[in-house]
Protein backbone atom coordinates (compact mmCIF):
# COMPACT_ATOMS: atom_id res chain seq x y z
CA UNK A 1 16.59 83.68 49.33
CA UNK A 2 13.67 81.46 50.14
CA UNK A 3 15.83 78.43 49.31
CA UNK A 4 18.46 79.55 51.79
CA UNK A 5 15.87 80.08 54.51
CA UNK A 6 14.42 76.62 53.92
CA UNK A 7 17.88 75.10 54.04
CA UNK A 8 18.70 76.91 57.26
CA UNK A 9 15.47 75.69 58.89
CA UNK A 10 16.25 72.17 57.74
CA UNK A 11 19.70 72.34 59.31
CA UNK A 12 18.27 73.59 62.59
CA UNK A 13 16.13 70.47 62.97
CA UNK A 14 19.29 68.42 63.42
CA UNK A 15 21.24 70.90 65.53
CA UNK A 16 21.46 70.38 69.26
CA UNK A 17 19.92 73.60 70.46
CA UNK A 18 20.20 77.14 69.08
CA UNK A 19 23.99 77.35 69.31
CA UNK A 20 25.92 75.62 66.55
CA UNK A 21 29.47 74.48 66.83
CA UNK A 22 32.14 76.00 64.63
CA UNK A 23 32.64 72.59 63.05
CA UNK A 24 29.01 72.42 61.99
CA UNK A 25 29.11 75.97 60.61
CA UNK A 26 32.06 74.99 58.46
CA UNK A 27 29.79 72.65 56.50
CA UNK A 28 26.56 74.59 56.79
CA UNK A 29 27.65 77.63 54.79
CA UNK A 30 28.95 75.78 51.70
CA UNK A 31 25.78 73.69 51.69
CA UNK A 32 23.54 76.76 51.85
CA UNK A 33 25.48 78.37 49.04
CA UNK A 34 25.13 75.17 47.02
CA UNK A 35 21.36 75.63 46.82
CA UNK A 36 21.73 78.84 44.82
CA UNK A 37 24.60 77.47 42.70
CA UNK A 38 23.00 74.19 41.62
CA UNK A 39 22.49 75.25 37.95
CA UNK A 40 26.25 75.79 37.57
CA UNK A 41 27.09 72.28 38.77
CA UNK A 42 25.77 70.43 35.71
CA UNK A 43 28.41 69.05 33.36
CA UNK A 44 27.97 70.19 29.75
CA UNK A 45 28.82 67.20 27.59
CA UNK A 46 27.57 65.12 24.70
CA UNK A 47 25.53 63.14 27.25
CA UNK A 48 23.67 66.29 28.31
CA UNK A 49 23.91 68.55 31.36
CA UNK A 50 23.38 66.77 34.64
CA UNK A 51 24.83 66.42 38.14
CA UNK A 52 23.61 64.61 41.28
CA UNK A 53 23.53 67.97 43.02
CA UNK A 54 20.72 69.10 40.75
CA UNK A 55 18.38 66.46 42.15
CA UNK A 56 20.14 66.09 45.46
CA UNK A 57 20.17 69.63 46.76
CA UNK A 58 18.69 70.26 50.17
CA UNK A 59 14.92 70.69 50.26
CA UNK A 60 12.28 70.68 52.95
CA UNK A 61 10.38 67.44 53.68
CA UNK A 62 7.17 69.00 52.40
CA UNK A 63 8.79 69.63 49.00
CA UNK A 64 10.04 66.04 48.80
CA UNK A 65 7.20 63.88 50.01
CA UNK A 66 3.90 63.90 51.80
CA UNK A 67 5.63 61.69 54.37
CA UNK A 68 7.69 63.89 56.71
CA UNK A 69 10.03 61.02 57.61
CA UNK A 70 10.89 60.32 53.96
CA UNK A 71 11.57 64.00 53.43
CA UNK A 72 13.83 64.04 56.47
CA UNK A 73 15.77 61.01 55.21
CA UNK A 74 16.29 62.57 51.79
CA UNK A 75 17.39 65.78 53.45
CA UNK A 76 20.00 63.92 55.51
CA UNK A 77 21.24 61.92 52.51
CA UNK A 78 21.57 65.11 50.45
CA UNK A 79 23.69 66.70 53.15
CA UNK A 80 25.81 63.56 53.41
CA UNK A 81 26.29 63.73 49.62
CA UNK A 82 27.79 67.20 49.89
CA UNK A 83 29.87 66.21 52.91
CA UNK A 84 31.40 63.21 51.09
CA UNK A 85 32.05 65.46 48.08
CA UNK A 86 33.91 67.96 50.27
CA UNK A 87 35.88 65.14 51.90
CA UNK A 88 37.01 63.88 48.48
CA UNK A 89 38.13 67.36 47.49
CA UNK A 90 40.39 67.47 50.56
CA UNK A 91 41.54 63.83 50.38
CA UNK A 92 44.77 63.37 48.42
CA UNK A 93 44.47 59.61 48.87
CA UNK A 94 40.91 59.45 47.57
CA UNK A 95 41.61 61.59 44.53
CA UNK A 96 44.79 59.67 43.79
CA UNK A 97 42.80 56.42 43.77
CA UNK A 98 40.29 57.79 41.26
CA UNK A 99 43.06 59.21 39.09
CA UNK A 100 44.79 55.82 39.04
CA UNK A 101 41.50 54.27 37.94
CA UNK A 102 41.32 56.77 35.08
CA UNK A 103 38.32 58.71 36.41
CA UNK A 104 38.35 62.33 35.22
CA UNK A 105 37.31 65.38 37.22
CA UNK A 106 34.29 65.80 34.94
CA UNK A 107 33.15 62.25 35.77
CA UNK A 108 33.72 62.83 39.49
CA UNK A 109 31.38 65.80 39.33
CA UNK A 110 28.91 64.26 36.88
CA UNK A 111 28.38 61.26 39.15
CA UNK A 112 28.82 63.14 42.43
CA UNK A 113 31.61 60.91 43.72
CA UNK A 114 32.86 61.45 47.25
CA UNK A 115 34.99 60.02 49.99
CA UNK A 116 33.97 58.79 53.46
CA UNK A 117 36.66 59.50 56.02
CA UNK A 118 38.04 56.74 58.22
CA UNK A 119 36.91 58.19 61.58
CA UNK A 120 34.14 56.31 63.35
CA UNK A 121 31.89 59.35 63.59
CA UNK A 122 32.99 61.70 60.83
CA UNK A 123 29.36 62.59 60.08
CA UNK A 124 29.18 64.45 63.41
CA UNK A 125 30.67 67.35 61.46
CA UNK A 126 27.35 67.78 59.62
CA UNK A 127 25.01 66.17 62.14
CA UNK A 128 25.96 67.48 65.59
CA UNK A 129 22.90 65.73 67.02
CA UNK A 130 24.47 62.40 66.04
CA UNK A 131 22.22 60.33 68.30
CA UNK A 132 18.98 60.96 66.40
CA UNK A 133 17.27 57.74 65.30
CA UNK A 134 16.73 58.98 61.75
CA UNK A 135 20.46 58.73 60.98
CA UNK A 136 20.17 54.98 61.52
CA UNK A 137 16.84 54.75 59.71
CA UNK A 138 18.19 56.39 56.54
CA UNK A 139 21.25 54.10 56.53
CA UNK A 140 24.05 56.56 57.26
CA UNK A 141 24.85 55.27 60.75
CA UNK A 142 25.02 51.81 62.32
CA UNK A 143 24.39 51.01 65.97
CA UNK A 144 25.68 47.99 67.86
CA UNK A 145 27.16 46.98 71.22
CA UNK A 146 30.13 49.29 70.62
CA UNK A 147 27.86 52.26 70.12
CA UNK A 148 27.24 54.32 67.00
CA UNK A 149 29.49 54.69 63.98
CA UNK A 150 29.29 55.85 60.39
CA UNK A 151 28.25 53.01 58.10
CA UNK A 152 30.72 54.11 55.42
CA UNK A 153 34.34 54.65 56.46
CA UNK A 154 37.43 55.03 54.27
CA UNK A 155 35.53 54.39 51.04
CA UNK A 156 34.97 56.07 47.70
CA UNK A 157 31.30 57.02 47.71
CA UNK A 158 28.81 56.60 44.87
CA UNK A 159 25.43 58.30 45.41
CA UNK A 160 22.43 56.18 44.40
CA UNK A 161 19.61 58.23 42.94
CA UNK A 162 15.91 57.80 42.32
CA UNK A 163 14.13 58.64 39.07
CA UNK A 164 13.97 62.31 40.02
CA UNK A 165 17.71 62.41 40.64
CA UNK A 166 17.50 62.66 44.43
CA UNK A 167 19.96 60.81 46.63
CA UNK A 168 18.30 57.83 48.32
CA UNK A 169 21.36 55.81 49.29
CA UNK A 170 25.04 55.17 48.69
CA UNK A 171 27.47 52.57 47.52
CA UNK A 172 30.99 52.63 48.94
CA UNK A 173 34.18 51.01 47.62
CA UNK A 174 37.31 50.37 49.65
CA UNK A 175 40.57 51.86 48.44
CA UNK A 176 42.65 48.97 49.73
CA UNK A 177 42.61 46.15 52.28
CA UNK A 178 40.69 42.92 52.72
CA UNK A 179 37.31 44.26 53.81
CA UNK A 180 34.31 43.59 51.53
CA UNK A 181 35.08 45.52 48.34
CA UNK A 182 31.65 47.14 48.08
CA UNK A 183 29.14 48.18 50.72
CA UNK A 184 25.67 49.53 49.94
CA UNK A 185 23.11 51.32 52.03
CA UNK A 186 20.77 48.91 53.83
CA UNK A 187 17.11 48.50 52.92
CA UNK A 188 15.31 51.65 54.04
CA UNK A 189 11.95 53.27 53.28
CA UNK A 190 13.76 55.01 50.38
CA UNK A 191 16.30 52.42 49.27
CA UNK A 192 15.32 49.05 47.79
CA UNK A 193 18.43 47.50 46.27
CA UNK A 194 16.67 44.80 44.26
CA UNK A 195 14.77 47.30 42.13
CA UNK A 196 17.29 50.13 41.70
CA UNK A 197 19.73 50.82 38.88
CA UNK A 198 22.85 52.96 39.11
CA UNK A 199 23.36 55.82 36.66
CA UNK A 200 19.83 56.20 35.26
CA UNK A 201 19.62 60.03 35.51
CA UNK A 202 22.99 60.41 33.79
CA UNK A 203 22.16 57.83 31.10
CA UNK A 204 18.49 58.51 30.45
CA UNK A 205 19.00 61.01 27.61
CA UNK A 206 21.36 58.69 25.71
CA UNK A 207 19.15 55.66 26.36
CA UNK A 208 16.26 57.53 24.77
CA UNK A 209 18.38 58.54 21.76
CA UNK A 210 19.53 54.97 21.07
CA UNK A 211 16.34 53.30 22.39
CA UNK A 212 18.72 50.88 24.08
CA UNK A 213 20.12 50.43 27.58
CA UNK A 214 23.37 48.60 28.30
CA UNK A 215 23.47 46.92 31.72
CA UNK A 216 26.81 46.18 33.38
CA UNK A 217 27.78 44.97 36.84
CA UNK A 218 29.72 47.76 38.54
CA UNK A 219 29.66 51.46 39.35
CA UNK A 220 33.11 52.01 37.85
CA UNK A 221 32.06 50.16 34.69
CA UNK A 222 29.25 52.69 34.26
CA UNK A 223 31.49 55.68 34.87
CA UNK A 224 34.33 54.54 32.60
CA UNK A 225 31.98 53.68 29.74
CA UNK A 226 30.12 56.97 30.08
CA UNK A 227 33.42 58.82 30.20
CA UNK A 228 34.49 57.05 27.00
CA UNK A 229 31.36 58.13 25.15
CA UNK A 230 29.15 55.06 25.75
CA UNK A 231 26.56 57.01 27.67
CA UNK A 232 23.51 54.71 27.56
CA UNK A 233 24.79 52.46 30.36
CA UNK A 234 23.50 51.58 33.84
CA UNK A 235 24.25 48.87 36.40
CA UNK A 236 22.60 46.88 39.14
CA UNK A 237 23.78 47.52 42.69
CA UNK A 238 25.89 44.42 43.14
CA UNK A 239 22.84 42.16 43.03
CA UNK A 240 21.54 39.69 40.48
CA UNK A 241 19.22 41.18 37.87
CA UNK A 242 15.59 41.01 38.93
CA UNK A 243 12.28 41.27 37.12
CA UNK A 244 11.84 44.65 38.82
CA UNK A 245 15.02 45.84 37.07
CA UNK A 246 13.64 44.65 33.73
CA UNK A 247 10.30 46.36 34.32
CA UNK A 248 12.18 49.60 34.96
CA UNK A 249 14.35 49.17 31.86
CA UNK A 250 11.23 48.47 29.79
CA UNK A 251 10.04 52.00 30.52
CA UNK A 252 13.31 53.45 29.23
CA UNK A 253 14.05 51.56 26.01
CA UNK A 254 12.86 48.81 23.68
CA UNK A 255 16.22 47.01 23.76
CA UNK A 256 18.40 45.95 26.69
CA UNK A 257 21.87 44.44 26.30
CA UNK A 258 23.56 42.84 29.30
CA UNK A 259 27.35 42.98 29.27
CA UNK A 260 29.05 41.32 32.21
CA UNK A 261 32.59 40.33 33.10
CA UNK A 262 34.31 37.68 31.00
CA UNK A 263 34.64 35.13 33.80
CA UNK A 264 32.54 32.41 35.41
CA UNK A 265 30.86 34.91 37.72
CA UNK A 266 29.98 37.10 34.73
CA UNK A 267 28.48 34.12 32.90
CA UNK A 268 26.42 33.22 35.96
CA UNK A 269 25.23 36.82 36.20
CA UNK A 270 24.16 36.67 32.54
CA UNK A 271 22.25 33.44 33.16
CA UNK A 272 20.40 35.03 36.08
CA UNK A 273 19.63 38.06 33.92
CA UNK A 274 18.29 35.78 31.19
CA UNK A 275 16.02 33.96 33.66
CA UNK A 276 14.80 37.28 35.11
CA UNK A 277 14.12 38.58 31.60
CA UNK A 278 11.90 35.68 30.58
CA UNK A 279 8.65 37.19 31.82
CA UNK A 280 9.16 40.56 30.07
CA UNK A 281 11.11 39.74 26.90
CA UNK A 282 9.15 39.74 23.67
CA UNK A 283 7.73 42.12 21.13
CA UNK A 284 7.88 45.10 23.50
CA UNK A 285 11.35 44.42 24.91
CA UNK A 286 14.27 42.90 23.04
CA UNK A 287 17.03 41.45 25.24
CA UNK A 288 20.59 40.61 24.19
CA UNK A 289 23.81 39.41 25.83
CA UNK A 290 27.30 40.67 25.01
CA UNK A 291 30.27 38.69 26.30
CA UNK A 292 33.77 40.02 26.91
CA UNK A 293 37.03 38.03 26.69
CA UNK A 294 38.08 36.04 29.73
CA UNK A 295 39.32 38.16 32.67
CA UNK A 296 38.02 41.39 31.10
CA UNK A 297 35.31 43.66 32.49
CA UNK A 298 33.72 46.66 30.74
CA UNK A 299 36.06 49.05 32.60
CA UNK A 300 39.26 47.26 31.57
CA UNK A 301 37.98 46.45 28.08
CA UNK A 302 37.11 50.02 27.11
CA UNK A 303 40.43 51.31 28.46
CA UNK A 304 42.38 48.69 26.53
CA UNK A 305 40.41 48.50 23.28
CA UNK A 306 38.41 51.74 23.14
CA UNK A 307 34.74 52.63 22.95
CA UNK A 308 34.29 51.59 19.29
CA UNK A 309 35.40 48.04 20.05
CA UNK A 310 33.00 47.94 23.00
CA UNK A 311 30.12 49.18 20.83
CA UNK A 312 30.91 46.45 18.32
CA UNK A 313 30.54 43.87 21.10
CA UNK A 314 27.17 45.33 22.04
CA UNK A 315 25.93 45.51 18.45
CA UNK A 316 26.82 41.85 17.91
CA UNK A 317 25.15 40.75 21.15
CA UNK A 318 23.67 37.27 21.31
CA UNK A 319 19.87 37.15 21.23
CA UNK A 320 17.77 35.93 24.15
CA UNK A 321 16.81 32.84 22.15
CA UNK A 322 20.41 31.99 21.19
CA UNK A 323 21.69 32.44 24.75
CA UNK A 324 18.86 30.35 26.20
CA UNK A 325 19.56 27.48 23.80
CA UNK A 326 23.30 27.67 24.54
CA UNK A 327 22.50 27.56 28.25
CA UNK A 328 20.19 24.55 27.83
CA UNK A 329 22.70 22.60 25.71
CA UNK A 330 25.62 23.15 28.09
CA UNK A 331 27.06 19.94 29.62
CA UNK A 332 24.38 17.70 28.10
CA UNK A 333 24.84 14.69 25.86
CA UNK A 334 22.15 15.30 23.26
CA UNK A 335 23.01 12.02 21.58
CA UNK A 336 21.45 10.23 24.56
CA UNK A 337 17.79 10.12 25.49
CA UNK A 338 18.70 11.12 29.06
CA UNK A 339 20.47 14.29 27.87
CA UNK A 340 17.57 15.30 25.63
CA UNK A 341 15.06 14.66 28.41
CA UNK A 342 17.13 16.77 30.80
CA UNK A 343 17.23 19.63 28.29
CA UNK A 344 13.45 19.48 27.81
CA UNK A 345 12.88 19.43 31.58
CA UNK A 346 15.19 22.40 32.26
CA UNK A 347 13.62 24.42 29.46
CA UNK A 348 10.26 24.41 31.24
CA UNK A 349 11.58 26.68 34.00
CA UNK A 350 12.05 29.38 31.33
CA UNK A 351 9.20 28.54 28.95
CA UNK A 352 6.63 28.76 31.72
CA UNK A 353 7.76 32.35 32.40
CA UNK A 354 7.40 33.55 28.82
CA UNK A 355 4.35 35.79 28.37
CA UNK A 356 4.89 36.75 24.74
CA UNK A 357 3.09 34.13 22.66
CA UNK A 358 5.17 34.61 19.53
CA UNK A 359 8.45 34.12 21.41
CA UNK A 360 6.99 31.19 23.35
CA UNK A 361 6.10 29.18 20.25
CA UNK A 362 9.37 30.04 18.53
CA UNK A 363 11.28 28.73 21.55
CA UNK A 364 9.04 25.67 21.79
CA UNK A 365 9.95 24.75 18.21
CA UNK A 366 13.69 25.20 18.87
CA UNK A 367 13.63 23.17 22.11
CA UNK A 368 11.52 20.45 20.52
CA UNK A 369 14.09 20.01 17.73
CA UNK A 370 16.98 19.76 20.22
CA UNK A 371 15.12 17.37 22.54
CA UNK A 372 13.68 15.26 19.72
CA UNK A 373 10.09 15.85 20.82
CA UNK A 374 7.20 17.03 18.71
CA UNK A 375 6.01 20.59 19.23
CA UNK A 376 2.69 19.27 20.54
CA UNK A 377 4.50 17.10 23.09
CA UNK A 378 6.56 20.04 24.32
CA UNK A 379 3.46 22.20 24.64
CA UNK A 380 1.75 19.50 26.69
CA UNK A 381 4.62 19.65 29.22
CA UNK A 382 4.14 23.37 29.89
CA UNK A 383 1.79 24.95 32.41
CA UNK A 384 -1.69 25.20 30.80
CA UNK A 385 -2.79 27.97 33.19
CA UNK A 386 -0.34 30.60 31.93
CA UNK A 387 -1.90 33.32 29.79
CA UNK A 388 0.13 34.64 26.88
CA UNK A 389 -0.59 37.46 24.47
CA UNK A 390 0.20 37.92 20.80
CA UNK A 391 1.71 41.13 19.54
CA UNK A 392 -0.28 40.37 16.35
CA UNK A 393 -3.74 39.04 17.36
CA UNK A 394 -4.44 37.95 13.78
CA UNK A 395 -1.80 35.23 13.92
CA UNK A 396 -3.29 31.71 13.74
CA UNK A 397 -1.29 28.80 15.17
CA UNK A 398 -0.40 25.90 12.92
CA UNK A 399 -2.25 22.73 13.86
CA UNK A 400 0.73 21.05 15.51
CA UNK A 401 1.13 24.02 17.86
CA UNK A 402 -2.34 23.73 19.33
CA UNK A 403 -2.29 22.48 22.92
CA UNK A 404 -3.33 18.86 23.06
CA UNK A 405 -5.61 17.50 25.75
């Protein structure tokens, strides 16, 4: 009962006066009931029981954060989550789209998928006081010369969650048309796209069991793989992989495998992930790269070939060292001194990021062989101010690996 009272008080903060419209009441009652029904919303599966509504149910700001504004934003986002969920349940078009993509009802509930209606101000149904500034601040509403409008319109909605499973933003995908395919929440006090991963709460149990996280590019890739039994999978939010992503992954598992689309864009994404990984890869984090056939993505590949074939790709992933050397050799004539010099020069951008001493010297040896330099010469090219640590402090460097003056 206390939960219902807190939810009712929270709703009243955004109501315009004591009298509520019938439209608002239509959404208030299901939301209040949701608070007491949260335990029943988890999906029992081999991945474990979890649902966004468990972490995203409506709470008071004081329960969420010492900062009242952050609590208010999370409260609003949680109510938007339930609203989008209800809209999907009543949208034949939205559900048809997901069915055509092969998304099951269990996955819809497990990932809390929803639908944003096409009206400019559909969120008025849950936020009668639509003019409050906090709706803009939390990223649900945009404001321009034409006035206010919902940020997300006519899109399938993917809630983005923090480590505790609370909704802190959304990603939205168009069903058809030539608008940008994906739209994410803007940067807010809660939502920082460059450091967030999609699907962590749903995947965390499986990641721990395998001690490995698979990173893909898209929301639907995550959902389809999870649905197929590959549960230890997450994705970035449509951005290049950053060091912040790797630092987060390092807390979840000792091995990370990147698996991107089998096209030029996927290869470029893998290269960026490799460069971002350089400062954290080593004895405490192993990084690999799995590549799919041309014009395939994880979603299409698992539907066509099955989860076992996908796992085989992951298990045979290329190592960080092998991918780096392939990247450095690409489009270079190593029979010429110019090509070898170019390879040595480009390698420094990665070598100077490596903090694991064992990996650093192993890579130095490999690059030196390709570039026809001595190991000592290659070491002399690197930044002498960078500190590196050994996983085994007892290791003594061979004489030709000592930095020369």
